[in-house]
N, C-alpha and C. Protein backbone atom coordinates (compact mmCIF):
# COMPACT_ATOMS: atom_id res chain seq x y z
N MET A 1 -8.71 -13.06 4.97
CA MET A 1 -8.59 -12.39 3.68
C MET A 1 -7.40 -12.92 2.90
N LYS A 2 -7.62 -13.24 1.63
CA LYS A 2 -6.53 -13.65 0.76
C LYS A 2 -5.62 -12.45 0.50
N HIS A 3 -4.32 -12.67 0.54
CA HIS A 3 -3.39 -11.55 0.35
C HIS A 3 -3.53 -10.94 -1.06
N LYS A 4 -3.14 -9.67 -1.15
CA LYS A 4 -3.23 -8.92 -2.41
C LYS A 4 -1.85 -8.76 -3.03
N ILE A 5 -1.83 -8.67 -4.36
CA ILE A 5 -0.60 -8.42 -5.10
C ILE A 5 -0.75 -7.10 -5.84
N SER A 6 0.25 -6.22 -5.67
CA SER A 6 0.23 -4.90 -6.29
C SER A 6 1.52 -4.71 -7.09
N PRO A 7 1.55 -5.12 -8.38
CA PRO A 7 2.77 -4.96 -9.18
C PRO A 7 3.18 -3.49 -9.27
N SER A 8 4.48 -3.24 -9.28
CA SER A 8 4.99 -1.86 -9.30
C SER A 8 5.29 -1.40 -10.72
N LEU A 9 4.61 -0.33 -11.12
CA LEU A 9 4.77 0.21 -12.48
C LEU A 9 6.20 0.65 -12.76
N LEU A 10 6.95 0.97 -11.71
CA LEU A 10 8.33 1.45 -11.87
C LEU A 10 9.19 0.48 -12.68
N SER A 11 8.85 -0.81 -12.62
CA SER A 11 9.65 -1.82 -13.33
C SER A 11 9.08 -2.17 -14.70
N ALA A 12 7.99 -1.50 -15.09
CA ALA A 12 7.37 -1.80 -16.39
C ALA A 12 8.18 -1.18 -17.53
N ASN A 13 7.78 -1.49 -18.76
CA ASN A 13 8.44 -0.95 -19.95
C ASN A 13 7.76 0.37 -20.32
N PHE A 14 8.41 1.49 -20.03
CA PHE A 14 7.79 2.79 -20.24
C PHE A 14 7.65 3.15 -21.71
N ALA A 15 8.35 2.43 -22.59
CA ALA A 15 8.20 2.65 -24.02
C ALA A 15 6.96 1.91 -24.55
N ASN A 16 6.41 1.03 -23.72
CA ASN A 16 5.25 0.26 -24.17
C ASN A 16 4.31 -0.02 -22.99
N LEU A 17 3.93 1.05 -22.30
CA LEU A 17 3.11 0.90 -21.09
C LEU A 17 1.76 0.26 -21.38
N ALA A 18 1.16 0.58 -22.53
CA ALA A 18 -0.17 0.05 -22.84
C ALA A 18 -0.16 -1.48 -22.83
N LYS A 19 0.90 -2.07 -23.38
CA LYS A 19 1.01 -3.54 -23.42
C LYS A 19 1.12 -4.12 -22.02
N ASP A 20 1.95 -3.47 -21.18
CA ASP A 20 2.12 -3.95 -19.80
C ASP A 20 0.82 -3.79 -19.00
N LEU A 21 0.08 -2.72 -19.27
CA LEU A 21 -1.19 -2.50 -18.56
C LEU A 21 -2.25 -3.51 -19.00
N GLU A 22 -2.22 -3.89 -20.26
CA GLU A 22 -3.14 -4.95 -20.73
C GLU A 22 -2.86 -6.25 -19.97
N MET A 23 -1.56 -6.53 -19.77
CA MET A 23 -1.17 -7.73 -19.00
C MET A 23 -1.68 -7.63 -17.57
N ILE A 24 -1.52 -6.47 -16.95
CA ILE A 24 -2.02 -6.26 -15.57
C ILE A 24 -3.52 -6.49 -15.51
N ASN A 25 -4.25 -5.96 -16.50
CA ASN A 25 -5.71 -6.12 -16.53
C ASN A 25 -6.12 -7.59 -16.63
N ARG A 26 -5.38 -8.37 -17.42
CA ARG A 26 -5.68 -9.80 -17.59
C ARG A 26 -5.31 -10.62 -16.36
N SER A 27 -4.32 -10.14 -15.63
CA SER A 27 -3.69 -10.93 -14.56
C SER A 27 -4.54 -10.97 -13.29
N GLU A 28 -4.03 -11.70 -12.30
CA GLU A 28 -4.69 -11.79 -10.99
C GLU A 28 -4.24 -10.68 -10.03
N ALA A 29 -3.51 -9.69 -10.55
CA ALA A 29 -3.10 -8.55 -9.71
C ALA A 29 -4.33 -7.88 -9.12
N ASP A 30 -4.23 -7.45 -7.87
CA ASP A 30 -5.36 -6.78 -7.21
C ASP A 30 -5.34 -5.27 -7.43
N TRP A 31 -4.14 -4.69 -7.37
CA TRP A 31 -3.95 -3.25 -7.54
C TRP A 31 -2.76 -3.03 -8.46
N LEU A 32 -2.52 -1.76 -8.81
CA LEU A 32 -1.29 -1.37 -9.49
C LEU A 32 -0.60 -0.32 -8.63
N HIS A 33 0.66 -0.58 -8.28
CA HIS A 33 1.42 0.30 -7.38
C HIS A 33 2.20 1.33 -8.21
N LEU A 34 2.03 2.60 -7.85
CA LEU A 34 2.68 3.69 -8.59
C LEU A 34 3.55 4.52 -7.64
N ASP A 35 4.85 4.54 -7.90
CA ASP A 35 5.79 5.28 -7.06
C ASP A 35 6.09 6.64 -7.67
N ILE A 36 5.68 7.71 -6.97
CA ILE A 36 6.02 9.06 -7.41
C ILE A 36 7.22 9.52 -6.59
N MET A 37 8.33 9.85 -7.28
CA MET A 37 9.57 10.27 -6.60
C MET A 37 9.94 11.69 -7.03
N ASP A 38 10.49 12.46 -6.09
CA ASP A 38 10.75 13.87 -6.37
C ASP A 38 12.23 14.24 -6.47
N GLY A 39 13.14 13.31 -6.26
CA GLY A 39 14.56 13.64 -6.31
C GLY A 39 15.02 14.45 -5.11
N VAL A 40 14.13 14.66 -4.13
CA VAL A 40 14.46 15.41 -2.91
C VAL A 40 14.39 14.46 -1.71
N PHE A 41 13.20 13.91 -1.47
CA PHE A 41 13.06 12.94 -0.38
C PHE A 41 13.79 11.64 -0.71
N VAL A 42 13.74 11.24 -1.98
CA VAL A 42 14.49 10.06 -2.43
C VAL A 42 15.42 10.49 -3.57
N PRO A 43 16.54 9.76 -3.76
CA PRO A 43 17.55 10.21 -4.72
C PRO A 43 17.23 9.86 -6.17
N ASN A 44 15.98 10.01 -6.57
CA ASN A 44 15.60 9.66 -7.93
C ASN A 44 14.33 10.39 -8.29
N ILE A 45 14.03 10.47 -9.58
CA ILE A 45 12.77 11.06 -10.07
C ILE A 45 12.11 9.99 -10.92
N SER A 46 10.81 9.75 -10.72
CA SER A 46 10.16 8.69 -11.49
C SER A 46 9.22 9.29 -12.54
N PHE A 47 7.96 9.50 -12.19
CA PHE A 47 6.98 10.04 -13.12
C PHE A 47 5.96 10.85 -12.33
N GLY A 48 5.17 11.63 -13.05
CA GLY A 48 4.22 12.50 -12.37
C GLY A 48 2.78 12.26 -12.78
N PHE A 49 1.95 13.27 -12.57
CA PHE A 49 0.50 13.10 -12.73
C PHE A 49 0.03 12.85 -14.16
N PRO A 50 0.65 13.44 -15.19
CA PRO A 50 0.20 13.12 -16.55
C PRO A 50 0.32 11.62 -16.87
N VAL A 51 1.41 11.02 -16.41
CA VAL A 51 1.60 9.57 -16.64
C VAL A 51 0.56 8.78 -15.86
N ILE A 52 0.32 9.15 -14.60
CA ILE A 52 -0.67 8.43 -13.78
C ILE A 52 -2.06 8.55 -14.39
N LYS A 53 -2.39 9.73 -14.90
CA LYS A 53 -3.70 9.94 -15.53
C LYS A 53 -3.84 9.03 -16.74
N ALA A 54 -2.79 8.95 -17.56
CA ALA A 54 -2.82 8.09 -18.75
C ALA A 54 -2.96 6.62 -18.35
N VAL A 55 -2.23 6.23 -17.29
CA VAL A 55 -2.31 4.86 -16.78
C VAL A 55 -3.73 4.56 -16.30
N SER A 56 -4.32 5.51 -15.59
CA SER A 56 -5.65 5.28 -15.00
C SER A 56 -6.71 5.05 -16.09
N GLU A 57 -6.48 5.64 -17.26
CA GLU A 57 -7.45 5.48 -18.35
C GLU A 57 -7.38 4.09 -18.99
N LEU A 58 -6.24 3.43 -18.82
CA LEU A 58 -6.06 2.09 -19.41
C LEU A 58 -6.17 0.97 -18.38
N CYS A 59 -5.82 1.27 -17.13
CA CYS A 59 -5.76 0.22 -16.10
C CYS A 59 -7.12 0.00 -15.44
N GLN A 60 -7.55 -1.24 -15.41
CA GLN A 60 -8.85 -1.57 -14.79
C GLN A 60 -8.71 -1.90 -13.30
N LYS A 61 -7.48 -1.98 -12.80
CA LYS A 61 -7.25 -2.29 -11.38
C LYS A 61 -7.17 -1.00 -10.58
N PRO A 62 -7.54 -1.04 -9.30
CA PRO A 62 -7.40 0.16 -8.45
C PRO A 62 -5.95 0.63 -8.38
N LEU A 63 -5.76 1.94 -8.39
CA LEU A 63 -4.40 2.50 -8.33
C LEU A 63 -3.99 2.74 -6.88
N ASP A 64 -2.79 2.23 -6.57
CA ASP A 64 -2.20 2.27 -5.24
C ASP A 64 -1.02 3.25 -5.35
N VAL A 65 -1.29 4.54 -5.06
CA VAL A 65 -0.31 5.61 -5.33
C VAL A 65 0.54 5.91 -4.10
N HIS A 66 1.85 5.76 -4.26
CA HIS A 66 2.82 5.91 -3.16
C HIS A 66 3.67 7.14 -3.44
N LEU A 67 3.47 8.19 -2.61
CA LEU A 67 4.20 9.44 -2.81
C LEU A 67 5.49 9.47 -1.99
N MET A 68 6.62 9.27 -2.66
CA MET A 68 7.94 9.37 -2.01
C MET A 68 8.44 10.79 -2.22
N ILE A 69 7.67 11.75 -1.66
CA ILE A 69 7.96 13.17 -1.91
C ILE A 69 7.79 13.99 -0.64
N VAL A 70 8.43 15.15 -0.64
CA VAL A 70 8.21 16.09 0.46
C VAL A 70 6.87 16.79 0.24
N ASN A 71 6.26 17.25 1.31
CA ASN A 71 4.97 17.97 1.25
C ASN A 71 3.90 17.26 0.41
N PRO A 72 3.65 15.98 0.67
CA PRO A 72 2.66 15.26 -0.15
C PRO A 72 1.25 15.84 -0.03
N GLU A 73 0.98 16.52 1.08
CA GLU A 73 -0.37 17.07 1.29
C GLU A 73 -0.73 18.13 0.24
N LYS A 74 0.27 18.69 -0.42
CA LYS A 74 0.01 19.69 -1.47
C LYS A 74 -0.65 19.08 -2.71
N PHE A 75 -0.55 17.75 -2.83
CA PHE A 75 -0.96 17.10 -4.07
C PHE A 75 -2.18 16.18 -3.91
N ILE A 76 -2.90 16.35 -2.80
CA ILE A 76 -4.06 15.48 -2.55
C ILE A 76 -5.08 15.59 -3.68
N SER A 77 -5.38 16.80 -4.11
CA SER A 77 -6.40 16.96 -5.16
C SER A 77 -5.91 16.40 -6.50
N GLU A 78 -4.60 16.54 -6.78
CA GLU A 78 -4.05 15.99 -8.03
C GLU A 78 -4.10 14.46 -8.03
N VAL A 79 -3.79 13.85 -6.88
CA VAL A 79 -3.85 12.38 -6.79
C VAL A 79 -5.30 11.93 -6.95
N LYS A 80 -6.21 12.63 -6.29
CA LYS A 80 -7.64 12.31 -6.40
C LYS A 80 -8.11 12.38 -7.86
N ALA A 81 -7.63 13.40 -8.58
CA ALA A 81 -8.04 13.60 -9.98
C ALA A 81 -7.60 12.47 -10.90
N THR A 82 -6.59 11.70 -10.49
CA THR A 82 -6.14 10.57 -11.31
C THR A 82 -7.06 9.36 -11.15
N GLY A 83 -7.96 9.42 -10.16
CA GLY A 83 -8.84 8.28 -9.91
C GLY A 83 -8.24 7.25 -8.96
N ALA A 84 -7.19 7.65 -8.24
CA ALA A 84 -6.51 6.70 -7.32
C ALA A 84 -7.45 6.23 -6.21
N LYS A 85 -7.31 4.97 -5.84
CA LYS A 85 -8.06 4.40 -4.71
C LYS A 85 -7.33 4.70 -3.40
N ILE A 86 -5.98 4.54 -3.42
CA ILE A 86 -5.17 4.66 -2.20
C ILE A 86 -4.13 5.76 -2.40
N MET A 87 -4.00 6.64 -1.41
CA MET A 87 -2.91 7.63 -1.42
C MET A 87 -2.04 7.36 -0.20
N ASN A 88 -0.80 7.05 -0.50
CA ASN A 88 0.14 6.61 0.54
C ASN A 88 1.25 7.66 0.71
N VAL A 89 1.43 8.16 1.94
CA VAL A 89 2.45 9.17 2.22
C VAL A 89 3.46 8.62 3.23
N HIS A 90 4.65 9.21 3.23
CA HIS A 90 5.69 8.75 4.16
C HIS A 90 5.57 9.44 5.52
N TYR A 91 5.70 8.65 6.55
CA TYR A 91 5.76 9.17 7.92
C TYR A 91 6.85 10.25 8.01
N GLU A 92 7.99 9.98 7.35
CA GLU A 92 9.16 10.84 7.47
C GLU A 92 8.95 12.22 6.85
N THR A 93 7.95 12.37 5.98
CA THR A 93 7.74 13.66 5.30
C THR A 93 6.52 14.42 5.83
N CYS A 94 5.85 13.85 6.83
CA CYS A 94 4.60 14.46 7.33
C CYS A 94 4.67 14.77 8.82
N PRO A 95 5.12 15.97 9.20
CA PRO A 95 5.13 16.32 10.62
C PRO A 95 3.73 16.36 11.22
N HIS A 96 2.72 16.60 10.36
CA HIS A 96 1.32 16.64 10.82
C HIS A 96 0.57 15.47 10.16
N LEU A 97 1.04 14.26 10.44
CA LEU A 97 0.55 13.06 9.76
C LEU A 97 -0.95 12.84 9.94
N HIS A 98 -1.44 13.02 11.15
CA HIS A 98 -2.87 12.79 11.41
C HIS A 98 -3.73 13.70 10.52
N ARG A 99 -3.33 14.94 10.40
CA ARG A 99 -4.08 15.90 9.57
C ARG A 99 -4.08 15.46 8.10
N VAL A 100 -2.91 15.04 7.61
CA VAL A 100 -2.79 14.62 6.21
C VAL A 100 -3.68 13.39 5.94
N ILE A 101 -3.68 12.45 6.88
CA ILE A 101 -4.53 11.26 6.75
C ILE A 101 -6.00 11.66 6.67
N GLN A 102 -6.41 12.59 7.51
CA GLN A 102 -7.81 13.07 7.49
C GLN A 102 -8.15 13.72 6.15
N GLN A 103 -7.20 14.51 5.63
CA GLN A 103 -7.43 15.21 4.36
C GLN A 103 -7.57 14.22 3.20
N ILE A 104 -6.76 13.15 3.23
CA ILE A 104 -6.84 12.12 2.18
C ILE A 104 -8.20 11.43 2.23
N ARG A 105 -8.64 11.10 3.44
CA ARG A 105 -9.95 10.44 3.60
C ARG A 105 -11.09 11.38 3.17
N GLU A 106 -10.98 12.64 3.54
CA GLU A 106 -12.01 13.62 3.14
C GLU A 106 -12.08 13.78 1.62
N ALA A 107 -10.95 13.55 0.95
CA ALA A 107 -10.92 13.65 -0.52
C ALA A 107 -11.52 12.41 -1.18
N GLY A 108 -11.86 11.41 -0.36
CA GLY A 108 -12.51 10.22 -0.91
C GLY A 108 -11.57 9.08 -1.26
N MET A 109 -10.34 9.15 -0.76
CA MET A 109 -9.38 8.06 -1.00
C MET A 109 -9.08 7.33 0.30
N GLU A 110 -8.48 6.15 0.18
CA GLU A 110 -8.04 5.39 1.35
C GLU A 110 -6.66 5.89 1.76
N PRO A 111 -6.49 6.36 3.01
CA PRO A 111 -5.18 6.86 3.44
C PRO A 111 -4.25 5.74 3.89
N ALA A 112 -3.00 5.83 3.46
CA ALA A 112 -1.99 4.86 3.88
C ALA A 112 -0.71 5.61 4.25
N VAL A 113 0.11 4.98 5.09
CA VAL A 113 1.35 5.60 5.51
C VAL A 113 2.51 4.60 5.37
N THR A 114 3.65 5.11 4.93
CA THR A 114 4.85 4.30 4.71
C THR A 114 5.93 4.66 5.71
N ILE A 115 6.70 3.65 6.12
CA ILE A 115 7.91 3.92 6.92
C ILE A 115 9.14 3.33 6.23
N ASN A 116 10.22 4.07 6.30
CA ASN A 116 11.51 3.65 5.73
C ASN A 116 12.15 2.55 6.58
N PRO A 117 13.17 1.86 6.04
CA PRO A 117 13.82 0.78 6.79
C PRO A 117 14.35 1.18 8.17
N ALA A 118 14.82 2.42 8.32
CA ALA A 118 15.41 2.84 9.61
C ALA A 118 14.37 3.37 10.60
N THR A 119 13.10 3.47 10.19
CA THR A 119 12.05 4.00 11.06
C THR A 119 11.34 2.86 11.78
N PRO A 120 11.27 2.90 13.12
CA PRO A 120 10.61 1.82 13.86
C PRO A 120 9.09 1.87 13.70
N VAL A 121 8.45 0.71 13.73
CA VAL A 121 6.99 0.67 13.59
C VAL A 121 6.28 1.34 14.77
N SER A 122 6.96 1.45 15.90
CA SER A 122 6.34 2.03 17.11
C SER A 122 5.84 3.46 16.91
N VAL A 123 6.43 4.19 15.94
CA VAL A 123 6.02 5.59 15.72
C VAL A 123 4.58 5.68 15.20
N LEU A 124 4.03 4.57 14.73
CA LEU A 124 2.69 4.58 14.14
C LEU A 124 1.57 4.23 15.12
N LYS A 125 1.95 3.95 16.35
CA LYS A 125 0.99 3.47 17.36
C LYS A 125 -0.28 4.31 17.44
N ASP A 126 -0.13 5.63 17.38
CA ASP A 126 -1.28 6.51 17.60
C ASP A 126 -2.14 6.74 16.36
N ILE A 127 -1.75 6.20 15.20
CA ILE A 127 -2.61 6.45 14.02
C ILE A 127 -3.09 5.15 13.37
N LEU A 128 -2.88 4.01 14.03
CA LEU A 128 -3.27 2.73 13.42
C LEU A 128 -4.77 2.61 13.18
N ASN A 129 -5.57 3.30 13.96
CA ASN A 129 -7.02 3.24 13.76
C ASN A 129 -7.52 4.26 12.75
N ASP A 130 -6.59 5.06 12.21
CA ASP A 130 -6.98 6.10 11.25
C ASP A 130 -6.58 5.77 9.82
N VAL A 131 -5.72 4.75 9.65
CA VAL A 131 -5.21 4.45 8.30
C VAL A 131 -5.82 3.17 7.74
N TYR A 132 -5.90 3.12 6.44
CA TYR A 132 -6.36 1.93 5.72
C TYR A 132 -5.24 0.90 5.65
N MET A 133 -3.98 1.41 5.55
CA MET A 133 -2.86 0.51 5.33
C MET A 133 -1.55 1.14 5.79
N VAL A 134 -0.60 0.28 6.21
CA VAL A 134 0.77 0.70 6.51
C VAL A 134 1.70 -0.03 5.56
N LEU A 135 2.59 0.72 4.92
CA LEU A 135 3.58 0.12 4.02
C LEU A 135 4.95 0.12 4.70
N ILE A 136 5.51 -1.05 4.83
CA ILE A 136 6.88 -1.19 5.35
C ILE A 136 7.83 -1.32 4.17
N MET A 137 8.73 -0.35 4.04
CA MET A 137 9.74 -0.44 2.98
C MET A 137 10.80 -1.46 3.40
N SER A 138 11.00 -2.48 2.56
CA SER A 138 11.98 -3.52 2.87
C SER A 138 13.26 -3.33 2.05
N VAL A 139 13.37 -2.16 1.41
CA VAL A 139 14.62 -1.65 0.83
C VAL A 139 14.58 -0.14 1.07
N ASN A 140 15.70 0.54 0.84
CA ASN A 140 15.69 2.00 0.94
C ASN A 140 15.03 2.57 -0.31
N PRO A 141 14.04 3.46 -0.15
CA PRO A 141 13.27 3.91 -1.31
C PRO A 141 14.09 4.74 -2.29
N GLY A 142 13.71 4.63 -3.55
CA GLY A 142 14.36 5.45 -4.58
C GLY A 142 14.77 4.68 -5.81
N PHE A 143 15.03 3.39 -5.66
CA PHE A 143 15.48 2.58 -6.80
C PHE A 143 14.85 1.19 -6.74
N GLY A 144 14.58 0.61 -7.90
CA GLY A 144 14.09 -0.76 -7.96
C GLY A 144 15.25 -1.74 -7.92
N GLY A 145 14.93 -3.02 -7.73
CA GLY A 145 15.93 -4.08 -7.85
C GLY A 145 16.90 -4.21 -6.70
N GLN A 146 16.59 -3.66 -5.52
CA GLN A 146 17.51 -3.76 -4.39
C GLN A 146 17.28 -5.05 -3.60
N LYS A 147 18.27 -5.39 -2.78
CA LYS A 147 18.20 -6.61 -1.97
C LYS A 147 17.29 -6.40 -0.76
N PHE A 148 16.49 -7.37 -0.49
CA PHE A 148 15.55 -7.37 0.63
C PHE A 148 16.28 -7.23 1.98
N ILE A 149 15.81 -6.34 2.83
CA ILE A 149 16.39 -6.16 4.18
C ILE A 149 15.69 -7.13 5.14
N GLU A 150 16.45 -8.11 5.64
CA GLU A 150 15.88 -9.20 6.45
C GLU A 150 15.11 -8.70 7.69
N ARG A 151 15.58 -7.63 8.27
CA ARG A 151 14.97 -7.07 9.49
C ARG A 151 13.48 -6.74 9.26
N SER A 152 13.11 -6.57 8.01
CA SER A 152 11.72 -6.22 7.68
C SER A 152 10.73 -7.27 8.18
N LEU A 153 11.15 -8.52 8.22
CA LEU A 153 10.26 -9.59 8.69
C LEU A 153 9.85 -9.36 10.14
N GLU A 154 10.80 -8.96 10.97
CA GLU A 154 10.51 -8.67 12.38
C GLU A 154 9.58 -7.46 12.49
N LYS A 155 9.79 -6.48 11.62
CA LYS A 155 8.94 -5.28 11.65
C LYS A 155 7.50 -5.64 11.30
N VAL A 156 7.32 -6.54 10.33
CA VAL A 156 5.96 -6.97 9.96
C VAL A 156 5.29 -7.65 11.15
N LYS A 157 6.03 -8.54 11.81
CA LYS A 157 5.47 -9.26 12.98
C LYS A 157 5.09 -8.28 14.09
N GLU A 158 5.98 -7.34 14.34
CA GLU A 158 5.74 -6.33 15.40
C GLU A 158 4.52 -5.47 15.06
N LEU A 159 4.44 -5.05 13.80
CA LEU A 159 3.31 -4.22 13.37
C LEU A 159 2.00 -5.00 13.47
N LYS A 160 2.02 -6.27 13.11
CA LYS A 160 0.82 -7.10 13.18
C LYS A 160 0.30 -7.15 14.63
N MET A 161 1.21 -7.31 15.57
CA MET A 161 0.84 -7.34 16.99
C MET A 161 0.22 -6.00 17.40
N MET A 162 0.84 -4.91 16.97
CA MET A 162 0.34 -3.57 17.30
C MET A 162 -1.07 -3.34 16.74
N ILE A 163 -1.28 -3.78 15.49
CA ILE A 163 -2.59 -3.62 14.84
C ILE A 163 -3.66 -4.41 15.59
N ASN A 164 -3.32 -5.64 15.96
CA ASN A 164 -4.26 -6.49 16.71
C ASN A 164 -4.59 -5.88 18.07
N GLU A 165 -3.55 -5.39 18.74
CA GLU A 165 -3.75 -4.78 20.07
C GLU A 165 -4.61 -3.52 19.99
N ALA A 166 -4.47 -2.78 18.88
CA ALA A 166 -5.23 -1.53 18.71
C ALA A 166 -6.66 -1.79 18.24
N GLY A 167 -6.94 -3.04 17.85
CA GLY A 167 -8.26 -3.36 17.30
C GLY A 167 -8.45 -2.69 15.94
N SER A 168 -7.34 -2.50 15.23
CA SER A 168 -7.37 -1.82 13.92
C SER A 168 -7.58 -2.83 12.79
N ASP A 169 -8.13 -2.34 11.68
CA ASP A 169 -8.29 -3.17 10.47
C ASP A 169 -7.19 -2.88 9.45
N ALA A 170 -6.19 -2.09 9.83
CA ALA A 170 -5.16 -1.67 8.86
C ALA A 170 -4.47 -2.86 8.21
N LEU A 171 -4.29 -2.75 6.91
CA LEU A 171 -3.55 -3.77 6.16
C LEU A 171 -2.06 -3.50 6.27
N ILE A 172 -1.25 -4.55 6.14
CA ILE A 172 0.21 -4.40 6.11
C ILE A 172 0.69 -4.69 4.69
N GLN A 173 1.32 -3.68 4.09
CA GLN A 173 1.89 -3.81 2.75
C GLN A 173 3.41 -3.80 2.87
N VAL A 174 4.09 -4.54 1.99
CA VAL A 174 5.56 -4.55 1.99
C VAL A 174 6.05 -4.31 0.56
N ASP A 175 7.07 -3.47 0.44
CA ASP A 175 7.62 -3.11 -0.87
C ASP A 175 9.13 -3.14 -0.81
N GLY A 176 9.74 -3.91 -1.73
CA GLY A 176 11.19 -3.94 -1.84
C GLY A 176 11.75 -5.34 -1.75
N GLY A 177 12.36 -5.80 -2.84
CA GLY A 177 13.00 -7.12 -2.83
C GLY A 177 12.01 -8.27 -2.70
N VAL A 178 10.76 -8.05 -3.09
CA VAL A 178 9.75 -9.11 -2.98
C VAL A 178 9.88 -10.07 -4.17
N ASN A 179 10.12 -11.33 -3.85
CA ASN A 179 10.13 -12.40 -4.87
C ASN A 179 9.42 -13.60 -4.25
N LEU A 180 9.42 -14.73 -4.94
CA LEU A 180 8.67 -15.89 -4.41
C LEU A 180 9.17 -16.32 -3.03
N GLU A 181 10.48 -16.24 -2.84
CA GLU A 181 11.08 -16.67 -1.56
C GLU A 181 10.72 -15.71 -0.43
N THR A 182 10.98 -14.40 -0.64
CA THR A 182 10.71 -13.42 0.43
C THR A 182 9.20 -13.25 0.63
N ALA A 183 8.42 -13.41 -0.45
CA ALA A 183 6.96 -13.27 -0.34
C ALA A 183 6.39 -14.28 0.65
N SER A 184 6.85 -15.52 0.56
CA SER A 184 6.37 -16.58 1.48
C SER A 184 6.66 -16.21 2.93
N LEU A 185 7.88 -15.71 3.17
CA LEU A 185 8.29 -15.33 4.54
C LEU A 185 7.45 -14.15 5.04
N LEU A 186 7.19 -13.20 4.16
CA LEU A 186 6.42 -12.01 4.54
C LEU A 186 4.97 -12.36 4.87
N LEU A 187 4.39 -13.24 4.07
CA LEU A 187 3.00 -13.65 4.33
C LEU A 187 2.90 -14.40 5.65
N GLU A 188 3.90 -15.21 5.91
CA GLU A 188 3.96 -15.96 7.18
C GLU A 188 4.09 -15.00 8.36
N ALA A 189 4.81 -13.89 8.16
CA ALA A 189 5.01 -12.90 9.23
C ALA A 189 3.77 -12.05 9.47
N GLY A 190 2.85 -12.02 8.48
CA GLY A 190 1.61 -11.26 8.69
C GLY A 190 1.29 -10.21 7.65
N ALA A 191 2.06 -10.16 6.54
CA ALA A 191 1.79 -9.17 5.48
C ALA A 191 0.48 -9.51 4.76
N ASP A 192 -0.22 -8.47 4.32
CA ASP A 192 -1.49 -8.62 3.60
C ASP A 192 -1.38 -8.26 2.12
N VAL A 193 -0.45 -7.34 1.81
CA VAL A 193 -0.32 -6.85 0.43
C VAL A 193 1.17 -6.84 0.06
N LEU A 194 1.49 -7.42 -1.10
CA LEU A 194 2.88 -7.46 -1.55
C LEU A 194 3.04 -6.63 -2.82
N VAL A 195 4.01 -5.72 -2.78
CA VAL A 195 4.37 -4.94 -3.97
C VAL A 195 5.54 -5.66 -4.63
N ALA A 196 5.43 -5.94 -5.92
CA ALA A 196 6.51 -6.63 -6.63
C ALA A 196 6.77 -5.93 -7.95
N GLY A 197 8.02 -5.55 -8.17
CA GLY A 197 8.40 -4.86 -9.41
C GLY A 197 9.19 -5.75 -10.33
N ASN A 198 10.51 -5.85 -10.04
CA ASN A 198 11.39 -6.66 -10.88
C ASN A 198 10.96 -8.11 -10.96
N ALA A 199 10.46 -8.65 -9.83
CA ALA A 199 10.04 -10.06 -9.80
C ALA A 199 8.95 -10.33 -10.82
N VAL A 200 8.07 -9.33 -11.02
CA VAL A 200 6.96 -9.49 -11.98
C VAL A 200 7.43 -9.14 -13.39
N PHE A 201 7.86 -7.89 -13.59
CA PHE A 201 8.15 -7.42 -14.94
C PHE A 201 9.45 -7.99 -15.52
N GLY A 202 10.32 -8.54 -14.64
CA GLY A 202 11.54 -9.16 -15.13
C GLY A 202 11.39 -10.65 -15.37
N ALA A 203 10.21 -11.19 -15.09
CA ALA A 203 9.97 -12.64 -15.26
C ALA A 203 9.69 -12.95 -16.74
N PRO A 204 10.02 -14.18 -17.18
CA PRO A 204 9.72 -14.58 -18.57
C PRO A 204 8.23 -14.40 -18.88
N SER A 205 7.37 -14.74 -17.89
CA SER A 205 5.93 -14.51 -18.03
C SER A 205 5.45 -13.74 -16.81
N PRO A 206 5.34 -12.40 -16.91
CA PRO A 206 4.88 -11.61 -15.77
C PRO A 206 3.52 -12.05 -15.23
N GLU A 207 2.63 -12.43 -16.13
CA GLU A 207 1.29 -12.86 -15.73
C GLU A 207 1.36 -14.12 -14.87
N GLU A 208 2.23 -15.05 -15.27
CA GLU A 208 2.41 -16.30 -14.53
C GLU A 208 3.04 -16.02 -13.15
N MET A 209 3.98 -15.06 -13.11
CA MET A 209 4.61 -14.70 -11.83
C MET A 209 3.58 -14.10 -10.87
N ILE A 210 2.69 -13.27 -11.38
CA ILE A 210 1.62 -12.70 -10.54
C ILE A 210 0.76 -13.84 -9.99
N HIS A 211 0.45 -14.80 -10.85
CA HIS A 211 -0.34 -15.97 -10.40
C HIS A 211 0.39 -16.72 -9.28
N LYS A 212 1.69 -16.92 -9.45
CA LYS A 212 2.47 -17.65 -8.43
C LYS A 212 2.48 -16.89 -7.11
N LEU A 213 2.67 -15.57 -7.17
CA LEU A 213 2.67 -14.76 -5.95
C LEU A 213 1.28 -14.76 -5.29
N LYS A 214 0.27 -14.74 -6.11
CA LYS A 214 -1.11 -14.67 -5.60
C LYS A 214 -1.51 -15.99 -4.93
N THR A 215 -0.96 -17.10 -5.40
CA THR A 215 -1.38 -18.41 -4.90
C THR A 215 -0.44 -18.99 -3.84
N LEU A 216 0.47 -18.17 -3.33
CA LEU A 216 1.38 -18.64 -2.25
C LEU A 216 0.57 -19.00 -0.99
């Protein structure tokens, strides 16, 4: 499978989202990554469901919704109502992770789970056959533009081995500090989906940057 690129809306121009979404629609991006932050689980607040609904009406790419919030299971129906393809929750916020994954799938979305930089991939061993995707955070969640944590490469390799051993089809997504240099290393380590924010929206030509990431 050719790797997927999921540009992060967090780095887009919120004063002119329609223009950035037109660019996403024209581009080779596979999905659009949306980070919902609550100021509790992560030290920042991003945007909520009205914005996602507005985005979904303009964006022709599948929505990859990442909930960096406490009690994400409370919002399954709201995420579903936005038309999201993927609902991604944090391992660290779900004491009953298996149940939440089942509820997301029952709602008709693809369930995904994220782990923070300090969380080992081994905690996911028992749910690898239940999830569509695992997201490895390669920066601490909450802010864009942070430096890539090198240890993430080893985590991707370790997770790839675990997925193969489990006979799982789960995809490996990575978010944080992704640029042309780190993207190559991550793909080599076994990543399937790359989330890129600043690298895309901060480039002179975001569309060209998506092309470069897609053709690595």
